[in-house]
Amino acid sequence: MLRERSHVLGAVMQCMPLTQFALRAGAKQPLRSLRTCTAWEAAAQTPTDSASQQKAPAIRRFWRNVSVAEQHGGYQILLDKRPIKTPDGQLISIAVQQPALAWLVAGEWESQKEFLGPHSLPLTSLVSRAIDGLSDSSTRTDVISKLLKYFQTDSVCLHDEYPQALVELQRKHYTPIVDWARSKYSIDIVTTANMFALRQSAEATEKLRQAVADFSPLKLAALERAVMTAKSFLIGLALVELHIPVEEAALAAQAEANAQTQLWGELENAHDLDNAAMRQILGASACAAAGA
């Protein structure tokens, strides 16, 4: 339990820097306006990744005050006393068991400056995805099947024999995750140095399918985002199960890139942006999964 709590706190720091004061204030005073919590700062923003996104018109901040209110059995985030909704128009309501998540989502909105920052609402996006898309059984089935395709060729199951820098990083970051999954789900996981021979058994895949099928919509949304970001089913699963902290998940996902950096050096600025973006998304996934 203590380990899980430390992982969640680490996720908060990765997801939204300098939010701890506002989180404490929100926990003590659930209806307090976030406008008075000056420690809330913008979530780590990343540049848009396509020319079309860069040309999209900016959305100007149209609200003054952000607050959190417990209504109708859940927490709602209010912009000038109006509750925020999903892209499909559904009311965003966060479970009463996750007050910290409600305050983090509110913090994303309070942190916006004159214009809505690109990629600056990762938690809001996850909550919306859970409500709009992952409450439907057929959609859940499709998403789980898509995610399990990553398991078949999971990067943490590919253990190279050279160069030595990569071998050491894979041993350090991949092996503990594989061992954890084998033990927790009582499954056999194949590891190999041959990418073309890497396939997992139907029995192991089915056990993981059954485990993930019990996830709440929000936890499944967190898993989906984590897997798609890390490009690994097992890294995403270990993260949302709070077995590993955000930093460890990021290091495992970037093992190959980090090995190349050790050999050839770092591309200034570009790697920093990639690192920040990955940790922001993984941090949001961990925060959303905690208590979901």
C-alpha atoms as a PDB file:
ATOM      1  CA  MET A   1       0.000   0.000   0.000  1.00  0.00           C
ATOM      2  CA  LEU A   2       2.794   2.431   0.863  1.00  0.00           C
ATOM      3  CA  ARG A   3       4.511   1.626  -2.426  1.00  0.00           C
ATOM      4  CA  GLU A   4       1.300   2.279  -4.364  1.00  0.00           C
ATOM      5  CA  ARG A   5       0.807   5.625  -2.607  1.00  0.00           C
ATOM      6  CA  SER A   6       4.352   6.680  -3.441  1.00  0.00           C
ATOM      7  CA  HIS A   7       3.781   5.742  -7.089  1.00  0.00           C
ATOM      8  CA  VAL A   8       0.615   7.862  -7.187  1.00  0.00           C
ATOM      9  CA  LEU A   9       2.409  10.849  -5.668  1.00  0.00           C
ATOM     10  CA  GLY A  10       5.144  10.444  -8.243  1.00  0.00           C
ATOM     11  CA  ALA A  11       2.527  10.320 -10.989  1.00  0.00           C
ATOM     12  CA  VAL A  12       1.005  13.572  -9.769  1.00  0.00           C
ATOM     13  CA  MET A  13       4.386  15.256  -9.977  1.00  0.00           C
ATOM     14  CA  GLN A  14       5.030  13.940 -13.486  1.00  0.00           C
ATOM     15  CA  CYS A  15       1.542  14.747 -14.718  1.00  0.00           C
ATOM     16  CA  MET A  16       1.214  18.260 -13.330  1.00  0.00           C
ATOM     17  CA  PRO A  17       4.242  19.919 -11.762  1.00  0.00           C
ATOM     18  CA  LEU A  18       3.769  22.052  -8.636  1.00  0.00           C
ATOM     19  CA  THR A  19       0.261  20.813  -7.843  1.00  0.00           C
ATOM     20  CA  GLN A  20       0.848  19.356  -4.412  1.00  0.00           C
ATOM     21  CA  PHE A  21      -0.239  22.457  -2.505  1.00  0.00           C
ATOM     22  CA  ALA A  22      -3.508  22.710  -4.408  1.00  0.00           C
ATOM     23  CA  LEU A  23      -4.128  19.008  -3.930  1.00  0.00           C
ATOM     24  CA  ARG A  24      -3.745  19.371  -0.165  1.00  0.00           C
ATOM     25  CA  ALA A  25      -6.005  22.402  -0.147  1.00  0.00           C
ATOM     26  CA  GLY A  26      -8.625  20.590  -2.187  1.00  0.00           C
ATOM     27  CA  ALA A  27      -8.544  17.552   0.072  1.00  0.00           C
ATOM     28  CA  LYS A  28      -9.250  19.753   3.088  1.00  0.00           C
ATOM     29  CA  GLN A  29     -11.844  22.009   1.469  1.00  0.00           C
ATOM     30  CA  PRO A  30     -13.685  20.143  -1.322  1.00  0.00           C
ATOM     31  CA  LEU A  31     -15.669  23.186  -2.430  1.00  0.00           C
ATOM     32  CA  ARG A  32     -12.846  25.708  -2.309  1.00  0.00           C
ATOM     33  CA  SER A  33     -12.325  27.718  -5.481  1.00  0.00           C
ATOM     34  CA  LEU A  34      -9.140  26.759  -7.265  1.00  0.00           C
ATOM     35  CA  ARG A  35      -8.592  30.386  -8.118  1.00  0.00           C
ATOM     36  CA  THR A  36      -7.086  30.938  -4.689  1.00  0.00           C
ATOM     37  CA  CYS A  37      -4.664  28.008  -4.999  1.00  0.00           C
ATOM     38  CA  THR A  38      -1.710  29.763  -6.568  1.00  0.00           C
ATOM     39  CA  ALA A  39       0.461  26.637  -6.645  1.00  0.00           C
ATOM     40  CA  TRP A  40      -1.553  25.203  -9.549  1.00  0.00           C
ATOM     41  CA  GLU A  41       0.588  25.547 -12.688  1.00  0.00           C
ATOM     42  CA  ALA A  42       0.169  24.381 -16.261  1.00  0.00           C
ATOM     43  CA  ALA A  43       0.557  20.719 -17.011  1.00  0.00           C
ATOM     44  CA  ALA A  44       3.742  20.055 -18.941  1.00  0.00           C
ATOM     45  CA  GLN A  45       2.858  21.131 -22.429  1.00  0.00           C
ATOM     46  CA  THR A  46       4.200  19.503 -25.549  1.00  0.00           C
ATOM     47  CA  PRO A  47       4.304  20.877 -29.095  1.00  0.00           C
ATOM     48  CA  THR A  48       1.699  19.722 -31.578  1.00  0.00           C
ATOM     49  CA  ASP A  49       2.902  16.840 -33.659  1.00  0.00           C
ATOM     50  CA  SER A  50       1.487  17.711 -37.061  1.00  0.00           C
ATOM     51  CA  ALA A  51       1.218  20.716 -39.309  1.00  0.00           C
ATOM     52  CA  SER A  52      -2.565  20.483 -39.337  1.00  0.00           C
ATOM     53  CA  GLN A  53      -2.700  20.628 -35.539  1.00  0.00           C
ATOM     54  CA  GLN A  54      -0.378  23.612 -35.498  1.00  0.00           C
ATOM     55  CA  LYS A  55      -2.726  25.479 -37.841  1.00  0.00           C
ATOM     56  CA  ALA A  56      -5.821  24.697 -35.783  1.00  0.00           C
ATOM     57  CA  PRO A  57      -7.388  27.842 -34.349  1.00  0.00           C
ATOM     58  CA  ALA A  58      -6.491  28.491 -30.716  1.00  0.00           C
ATOM     59  CA  ILE A  59      -9.273  28.365 -28.146  1.00  0.00           C
ATOM     60  CA  ARG A  60      -9.307  31.413 -25.916  1.00  0.00           C
ATOM     61  CA  ARG A  61      -9.920  30.917 -22.207  1.00  0.00           C
ATOM     62  CA  PHE A  62     -13.539  31.934 -21.646  1.00  0.00           C
ATOM     63  CA  TRP A  63     -13.870  31.257 -17.904  1.00  0.00           C
ATOM     64  CA  ARG A  64     -12.645  33.090 -14.824  1.00  0.00           C
ATOM     65  CA  ASN A  65     -13.171  30.687 -11.951  1.00  0.00           C
ATOM     66  CA  VAL A  66     -12.729  26.945 -11.591  1.00  0.00           C
ATOM     67  CA  SER A  67     -14.166  24.991  -8.680  1.00  0.00           C
ATOM     68  CA  VAL A  68     -14.993  21.437  -7.634  1.00  0.00           C
ATOM     69  CA  ALA A  69     -18.433  20.543  -6.317  1.00  0.00           C
ATOM     70  CA  GLU A  70     -19.817  17.265  -5.014  1.00  0.00           C
ATOM     71  CA  GLN A  71     -23.170  16.805  -6.715  1.00  0.00           C
ATOM     72  CA  HIS A  72     -25.366  13.832  -7.581  1.00  0.00           C
ATOM     73  CA  GLY A  73     -22.986  11.271  -6.110  1.00  0.00           C
ATOM     74  CA  GLY A  74     -19.818  12.500  -7.792  1.00  0.00           C
ATOM     75  CA  TYR A  75     -17.430  15.401  -8.210  1.00  0.00           C
ATOM     76  CA  GLN A  76     -18.110  17.923 -10.959  1.00  0.00           C
ATOM     77  CA  ILE A  77     -15.631  20.468 -12.269  1.00  0.00           C
ATOM     78  CA  LEU A  78     -17.256  23.857 -12.710  1.00  0.00           C
ATOM     79  CA  LEU A  79     -16.125  26.673 -14.990  1.00  0.00           C
ATOM     80  CA  ASP A  80     -17.879  29.779 -13.703  1.00  0.00           C
ATOM     81  CA  LYS A  81     -20.354  27.419 -11.982  1.00  0.00           C
ATOM     82  CA  ARG A  82     -21.063  25.541 -15.238  1.00  0.00           C
ATOM     83  CA  PRO A  83     -20.036  21.843 -15.263  1.00  0.00           C
ATOM     84  CA  ILE A  84     -17.640  20.665 -17.942  1.00  0.00           C
ATOM     85  CA  LYS A  85     -18.806  17.999 -20.375  1.00  0.00           C
ATOM     86  CA  THR A  86     -17.259  15.420 -22.667  1.00  0.00           C
ATOM     87  CA  PRO A  87     -16.943  15.966 -26.447  1.00  0.00           C
ATOM     88  CA  ASP A  88     -20.167  13.941 -26.792  1.00  0.00           C
ATOM     89  CA  GLY A  89     -21.946  16.303 -24.416  1.00  0.00           C
ATOM     90  CA  GLN A  90     -22.082  14.042 -21.381  1.00  0.00           C
ATOM     91  CA  LEU A  91     -21.589  15.484 -17.921  1.00  0.00           C
ATOM     92  CA  ILE A  92     -18.163  14.776 -16.438  1.00  0.00           C
ATOM     93  CA  SER A  93     -18.635  13.346 -12.967  1.00  0.00           C
ATOM     94  CA  ILE A  94     -15.738  11.812 -11.053  1.00  0.00           C
ATOM     95  CA  ALA A  95     -16.367   9.137  -8.438  1.00  0.00           C
ATOM     96  CA  VAL A  96     -16.445  10.277  -4.822  1.00  0.00           C
ATOM     97  CA  GLN A  97     -13.682   7.739  -4.138  1.00  0.00           C
ATOM     98  CA  GLN A  98     -11.315   9.854  -6.273  1.00  0.00           C
ATOM     99  CA  PRO A  99     -11.373  13.411  -4.870  1.00  0.00           C
ATOM    100  CA  ALA A 100      -7.709  13.918  -5.744  1.00  0.00           C
ATOM    101  CA  LEU A 101      -8.450  13.148  -9.388  1.00  0.00           C
ATOM    102  CA  ALA A 102     -11.254  15.704  -9.416  1.00  0.00           C
ATOM    103  CA  TRP A 103      -8.881  18.378  -8.138  1.00  0.00           C
ATOM    104  CA  LEU A 104      -6.221  17.433 -10.659  1.00  0.00           C
ATOM    105  CA  VAL A 105      -8.706  17.710 -13.505  1.00  0.00           C
ATOM    106  CA  ALA A 106      -9.839  21.064 -12.157  1.00  0.00           C
ATOM    107  CA  GLY A 107      -6.212  22.095 -11.955  1.00  0.00           C
ATOM    108  CA  GLU A 108      -5.771  21.464 -15.665  1.00  0.00           C
ATOM    109  CA  TRP A 109      -8.472  24.015 -16.407  1.00  0.00           C
ATOM    110  CA  GLU A 110      -7.333  26.553 -13.820  1.00  0.00           C
ATOM    111  CA  SER A 111      -3.767  26.371 -15.174  1.00  0.00           C
ATOM    112  CA  GLN A 112      -4.761  27.534 -18.664  1.00  0.00           C
ATOM    113  CA  LYS A 113      -3.532  30.970 -19.631  1.00  0.00           C
ATOM    114  CA  GLU A 114      -5.029  33.227 -22.290  1.00  0.00           C
ATOM    115  CA  PHE A 115      -5.393  30.335 -24.728  1.00  0.00           C
ATOM    116  CA  LEU A 116      -6.043  26.649 -24.150  1.00  0.00           C
ATOM    117  CA  GLY A 117      -2.634  24.944 -24.306  1.00  0.00           C
ATOM    118  CA  PRO A 118      -2.154  22.017 -26.698  1.00  0.00           C
ATOM    119  CA  HIS A 119      -1.989  18.648 -24.932  1.00  0.00           C
ATOM    120  CA  SER A 120      -2.521  20.378 -21.592  1.00  0.00           C
ATOM    121  CA  LEU A 121      -5.668  18.488 -20.525  1.00  0.00           C
ATOM    122  CA  PRO A 122      -4.483  14.853 -20.383  1.00  0.00           C
ATOM    123  CA  LEU A 123      -6.625  13.900 -17.380  1.00  0.00           C
ATOM    124  CA  THR A 124      -9.732  15.561 -18.789  1.00  0.00           C
ATOM    125  CA  SER A 125      -9.112  13.638 -21.995  1.00  0.00           C
ATOM    126  CA  LEU A 126      -8.862  10.327 -20.142  1.00  0.00           C
ATOM    127  CA  VAL A 127     -12.026  10.922 -18.140  1.00  0.00           C
ATOM    128  CA  SER A 128     -13.887  11.906 -21.307  1.00  0.00           C
ATOM    129  CA  ARG A 129     -12.644   8.812 -23.112  1.00  0.00           C
ATOM    130  CA  ALA A 130     -13.900   6.627 -20.273  1.00  0.00           C
ATOM    131  CA  ILE A 131     -17.354   8.214 -20.315  1.00  0.00           C
ATOM    132  CA  ASP A 132     -17.860   8.575 -24.053  1.00  0.00           C
ATOM    133  CA  GLY A 133     -16.207   5.422 -25.317  1.00  0.00           C
ATOM    134  CA  LEU A 134     -15.426   2.786 -22.739  1.00  0.00           C
ATOM    135  CA  SER A 135     -18.770   2.333 -21.036  1.00  0.00           C
ATOM    136  CA  ASP A 136     -20.005   0.469 -24.114  1.00  0.00           C
ATOM    137  CA  SER A 137     -19.333  -3.285 -23.988  1.00  0.00           C
ATOM    138  CA  SER A 138     -18.590  -3.737 -27.687  1.00  0.00           C
ATOM    139  CA  THR A 139     -16.141  -0.828 -27.678  1.00  0.00           C
ATOM    140  CA  ARG A 140     -14.437  -2.235 -24.588  1.00  0.00           C
ATOM    141  CA  THR A 141     -14.038  -5.616 -26.297  1.00  0.00           C
ATOM    142  CA  ASP A 142     -12.509  -4.015 -29.379  1.00  0.00           C
ATOM    143  CA  VAL A 143     -10.130  -1.876 -27.335  1.00  0.00           C
ATOM    144  CA  ILE A 144      -8.941  -4.809 -25.222  1.00  0.00           C
ATOM    145  CA  SER A 145      -8.316  -6.893 -28.341  1.00  0.00           C
ATOM    146  CA  LYS A 146      -6.337  -4.032 -29.876  1.00  0.00           C
ATOM    147  CA  LEU A 147      -4.236  -3.609 -26.749  1.00  0.00           C
ATOM    148  CA  LEU A 148      -3.482  -7.325 -26.488  1.00  0.00           C
ATOM    149  CA  LYS A 149      -1.882  -7.182 -29.937  1.00  0.00           C
ATOM    150  CA  TYR A 150       0.916  -5.231 -28.256  1.00  0.00           C
ATOM    151  CA  PHE A 151       1.397  -8.162 -25.884  1.00  0.00           C
ATOM    152  CA  GLN A 152       2.109 -10.520 -28.773  1.00  0.00           C
ATOM    153  CA  THR A 153       5.227  -8.568 -29.745  1.00  0.00           C
ATOM    154  CA  ASP A 154       5.804  -6.720 -26.494  1.00  0.00           C
ATOM    155  CA  SER A 155       9.054  -4.791 -26.418  1.00  0.00           C
ATOM    156  CA  VAL A 156       9.838  -5.897 -22.857  1.00  0.00           C
ATOM    157  CA  CYS A 157       9.890  -9.500 -24.087  1.00  0.00           C
ATOM    158  CA  LEU A 158      12.520  -8.759 -26.721  1.00  0.00           C
ATOM    159  CA  HIS A 159      15.932  -9.123 -25.057  1.00  0.00           C
ATOM    160  CA  ASP A 160      18.775  -8.293 -27.416  1.00  0.00           C
ATOM    161  CA  GLU A 161      22.247  -9.808 -27.224  1.00  0.00           C
ATOM    162  CA  TYR A 162      24.103  -6.622 -28.205  1.00  0.00           C
ATOM    163  CA  PRO A 163      25.135  -3.834 -27.870  1.00  0.00           C
ATOM    164  CA  GLN A 164      26.033  -4.204 -24.210  1.00  0.00           C
ATOM    165  CA  ALA A 165      24.485  -0.858 -23.240  1.00  0.00           C
ATOM    166  CA  LEU A 166      21.099  -2.041 -24.522  1.00  0.00           C
ATOM    167  CA  VAL A 167      21.471  -5.487 -22.954  1.00  0.00           C
ATOM    168  CA  GLU A 168      22.071  -3.926 -19.545  1.00  0.00           C
ATOM    169  CA  LEU A 169      19.144  -1.516 -19.812  1.00  0.00           C
ATOM    170  CA  GLN A 170      16.791  -4.298 -20.911  1.00  0.00           C
ATOM    171  CA  ARG A 171      17.917  -6.480 -18.030  1.00  0.00           C
ATOM    172  CA  LYS A 172      17.403  -3.627 -15.593  1.00  0.00           C
ATOM    173  CA  HIS A 173      14.016  -2.409 -16.818  1.00  0.00           C
ATOM    174  CA  TYR A 174      12.409  -5.281 -18.756  1.00  0.00           C
ATOM    175  CA  THR A 175      13.117  -8.337 -16.590  1.00  0.00           C
ATOM    176  CA  PRO A 176      11.386  -7.069 -13.402  1.00  0.00           C
ATOM    177  CA  ILE A 177       8.203  -6.259 -15.350  1.00  0.00           C
ATOM    178  CA  VAL A 178       8.141  -9.674 -17.041  1.00  0.00           C
ATOM    179  CA  ASP A 179       8.773 -11.455 -13.741  1.00  0.00           C
ATOM    180  CA  TRP A 180       5.983  -9.461 -12.065  1.00  0.00           C
ATOM    181  CA  ALA A 181       3.460 -10.313 -14.797  1.00  0.00           C
ATOM    182  CA  ARG A 182       4.399 -13.990 -14.732  1.00  0.00           C
ATOM    183  CA  SER A 183       3.851 -14.133 -10.981  1.00  0.00           C
ATOM    184  CA  LYS A 184       0.740 -11.949 -10.705  1.00  0.00           C
ATOM    185  CA  TYR A 185      -1.228 -13.592 -13.512  1.00  0.00           C
ATOM    186  CA  SER A 186       0.297 -17.091 -13.316  1.00  0.00           C
ATOM    187  CA  ILE A 187       1.219 -17.082 -16.987  1.00  0.00           C
ATOM    188  CA  ASP A 188       4.183 -18.127 -19.084  1.00  0.00           C
ATOM    189  CA  ILE A 189       5.719 -15.212 -20.988  1.00  0.00           C
ATOM    190  CA  VAL A 190       8.121 -15.876 -23.828  1.00  0.00           C
ATOM    191  CA  THR A 191      11.254 -13.752 -24.061  1.00  0.00           C
ATOM    192  CA  THR A 192      13.638 -13.937 -26.999  1.00  0.00           C
ATOM    193  CA  ALA A 193      16.284 -12.055 -28.944  1.00  0.00           C
ATOM    194  CA  ASN A 194      14.537 -12.915 -32.228  1.00  0.00           C
ATOM    195  CA  MET A 195      11.870 -10.340 -33.033  1.00  0.00           C
ATOM    196  CA  PHE A 196      10.313 -12.582 -35.688  1.00  0.00           C
ATOM    197  CA  ALA A 197       9.925 -15.470 -33.245  1.00  0.00           C
ATOM    198  CA  LEU A 198       8.270 -13.419 -30.525  1.00  0.00           C
ATOM    199  CA  ARG A 199       4.721 -14.646 -29.947  1.00  0.00           C
ATOM    200  CA  GLN A 200       2.788 -15.305 -26.756  1.00  0.00           C
ATOM    201  CA  SER A 201       0.543 -18.257 -26.029  1.00  0.00           C
ATOM    202  CA  ALA A 202      -3.224 -18.143 -26.370  1.00  0.00           C
ATOM    203  CA  GLU A 203      -3.534 -19.189 -22.715  1.00  0.00           C
ATOM    204  CA  ALA A 204      -1.447 -16.271 -21.453  1.00  0.00           C
ATOM    205  CA  THR A 205      -3.289 -13.846 -23.712  1.00  0.00           C
ATOM    206  CA  GLU A 206      -6.675 -15.056 -22.490  1.00  0.00           C
ATOM    207  CA  LYS A 207      -5.725 -14.716 -18.819  1.00  0.00           C
ATOM    208  CA  LEU A 208      -4.653 -11.130 -19.427  1.00  0.00           C
ATOM    209  CA  ARG A 209      -7.852 -10.478 -21.357  1.00  0.00           C
ATOM    210  CA  GLN A 210      -9.923 -11.684 -18.410  1.00  0.00           C
ATOM    211  CA  ALA A 211      -7.941  -9.536 -15.980  1.00  0.00           C
ATOM    212  CA  VAL A 212      -8.325  -6.377 -18.046  1.00  0.00           C
ATOM    213  CA  ALA A 213     -12.006  -7.068 -18.747  1.00  0.00           C
ATOM    214  CA  ASP A 214     -12.719  -6.333 -15.071  1.00  0.00           C
ATOM    215  CA  PHE A 215     -11.220  -2.837 -15.271  1.00  0.00           C
ATOM    216  CA  SER A 216     -13.514   0.121 -14.783  1.00  0.00           C
ATOM    217  CA  PRO A 217     -13.995   2.379 -17.835  1.00  0.00           C
ATOM    218  CA  LEU A 218     -11.564   4.920 -16.366  1.00  0.00           C
ATOM    219  CA  LYS A 219      -8.882   2.361 -15.581  1.00  0.00           C
ATOM    220  CA  LEU A 220      -9.239   0.869 -19.064  1.00  0.00           C
ATOM    221  CA  ALA A 221      -8.893   4.346 -20.574  1.00  0.00           C
ATOM    222  CA  ALA A 222      -5.717   4.808 -18.530  1.00  0.00           C
ATOM    223  CA  LEU A 223      -4.385   1.450 -19.711  1.00  0.00           C
ATOM    224  CA  GLU A 224      -5.176   2.272 -23.323  1.00  0.00           C
ATOM    225  CA  ARG A 225      -3.332   5.585 -23.164  1.00  0.00           C
ATOM    226  CA  ALA A 226      -0.363   4.067 -21.325  1.00  0.00           C
ATOM    227  CA  VAL A 227       0.004   1.147 -23.732  1.00  0.00           C
ATOM    228  CA  MET A 228      -0.258   3.370 -26.785  1.00  0.00           C
ATOM    229  CA  THR A 229       2.343   5.736 -25.328  1.00  0.00           C
ATOM    230  CA  ALA A 230       4.827   3.134 -24.096  1.00  0.00           C
ATOM    231  CA  LYS A 231       4.187   0.849 -27.090  1.00  0.00           C
ATOM    232  CA  SER A 232       4.072  -2.012 -24.603  1.00  0.00           C
ATOM    233  CA  PHE A 233       1.136  -3.836 -23.044  1.00  0.00           C
ATOM    234  CA  LEU A 234       3.111  -5.038 -20.024  1.00  0.00           C
ATOM    235  CA  ILE A 235       4.576  -1.626 -19.213  1.00  0.00           C
ATOM    236  CA  GLY A 236       1.117  -0.054 -19.388  1.00  0.00           C
ATOM    237  CA  LEU A 237      -0.383  -2.815 -17.265  1.00  0.00           C
ATOM    238  CA  ALA A 238       2.323  -2.566 -14.592  1.00  0.00           C
ATOM    239  CA  LEU A 239       1.809   1.200 -14.477  1.00  0.00           C
ATOM    240  CA  VAL A 240      -1.975   1.249 -14.045  1.00  0.00           C
ATOM    241  CA  GLU A 241      -1.753  -1.577 -11.504  1.00  0.00           C
ATOM    242  CA  LEU A 242       0.601   0.745  -9.598  1.00  0.00           C
ATOM    243  CA  HIS A 243       3.365  -1.839  -9.617  1.00  0.00           C
ATOM    244  CA  ILE A 244       5.887   0.586 -11.110  1.00  0.00           C
ATOM    245  CA  PRO A 245       6.132   4.387 -10.852  1.00  0.00           C
ATOM    246  CA  VAL A 246       5.878   6.691 -13.849  1.00  0.00           C
ATOM    247  CA  GLU A 247       9.628   7.211 -14.091  1.00  0.00           C
ATOM    248  CA  GLU A 248      10.293   3.477 -14.236  1.00  0.00           C
ATOM    249  CA  ALA A 249       7.609   3.012 -16.902  1.00  0.00           C
ATOM    250  CA  ALA A 250       9.170   5.784 -18.976  1.00  0.00           C
ATOM    251  CA  LEU A 251      12.682   4.372 -18.601  1.00  0.00           C
ATOM    252  CA  ALA A 252      11.466   0.928 -19.660  1.00  0.00           C
ATOM    253  CA  ALA A 253       9.641   2.367 -22.675  1.00  0.00           C
ATOM    254  CA  GLN A 254      12.722   4.359 -23.680  1.00  0.00           C
ATOM    255  CA  ALA A 255      15.350   1.684 -23.026  1.00  0.00           C
ATOM    256  CA  GLU A 256      16.332   1.368 -26.679  1.00  0.00           C
ATOM    257  CA  ALA A 257      16.425   5.128 -27.235  1.00  0.00           C
ATOM    258  CA  ASN A 258      18.483   5.601 -24.083  1.00  0.00           C
ATOM    259  CA  ALA A 259      20.943   2.943 -25.211  1.00  0.00           C
ATOM    260  CA  GLN A 260      21.360   4.768 -28.507  1.00  0.00           C
ATOM    261  CA  THR A 261      21.903   8.005 -26.613  1.00  0.00           C
ATOM    262  CA  GLN A 262      24.670   6.372 -24.597  1.00  0.00           C
ATOM    263  CA  LEU A 263      26.336   5.300 -27.826  1.00  0.00           C
ATOM    264  CA  TRP A 264      25.784   8.321 -30.072  1.00  0.00           C
ATOM    265  CA  GLY A 265      24.827  11.190 -27.808  1.00  0.00           C
ATOM    266  CA  GLU A 266      21.594  13.078 -27.261  1.00  0.00           C
ATOM    267  CA  LEU A 267      19.793  15.225 -29.795  1.00  0.00           C
ATOM    268  CA  GLU A 268      19.484  18.487 -27.891  1.00  0.00           C
ATOM    269  CA  ASN A 269      15.939  19.712 -27.127  1.00  0.00           C
ATOM    270  CA  ALA A 270      14.198  16.989 -29.171  1.00  0.00           C
ATOM    271  CA  HIS A 271      14.837  14.272 -26.583  1.00  0.00           C
ATOM    272  CA  ASP A 272      13.840  16.597 -23.755  1.00  0.00           C
ATOM    273  CA  LEU A 273      10.477  17.239 -25.402  1.00  0.00           C
ATOM    274  CA  ASP A 274       9.887  13.532 -26.033  1.00  0.00           C
ATOM    275  CA  ASN A 275      10.786  12.694 -22.431  1.00  0.00           C
ATOM    276  CA  ALA A 276       8.476  15.337 -20.987  1.00  0.00           C
ATOM    277  CA  ALA A 277       5.569  14.353 -23.228  1.00  0.00           C
ATOM    278  CA  MET A 278       5.848  10.671 -22.358  1.00  0.00           C
ATOM    279  CA  ARG A 279       6.024  11.305 -18.633  1.00  0.00           C
ATOM    280  CA  GLN A 280       3.073  13.670 -18.740  1.00  0.00           C
ATOM    281  CA  ILE A 281       0.871  11.089 -20.449  1.00  0.00           C
ATOM    282  CA  LEU A 282       2.042   8.204 -18.284  1.00  0.00           C
ATOM    283  CA  GLY A 283       1.574  10.375 -15.195  1.00  0.00           C
ATOM    284  CA  ALA A 284      -1.990  11.144 -16.215  1.00  0.00           C
ATOM    285  CA  SER A 285      -2.655   7.431 -16.767  1.00  0.00           C
ATOM    286  CA  ALA A 286      -1.344   6.517 -13.323  1.00  0.00           C
ATOM    287  CA  CYS A 287      -3.350   9.279 -11.617  1.00  0.00           C
ATOM    288  CA  ALA A 288      -6.536   8.223 -13.399  1.00  0.00           C
ATOM    289  CA  ALA A 289      -6.009   4.554 -12.544  1.00  0.00           C
ATOM    290  CA  ALA A 290      -5.432   5.161  -8.839  1.00  0.00           C
ATOM    291  CA  GLY A 291      -8.635   4.160  -7.089  1.00  0.00           C
ATOM    292  CA  ALA A 292     -10.512   3.596 -10.361  1.00  0.00           C
END
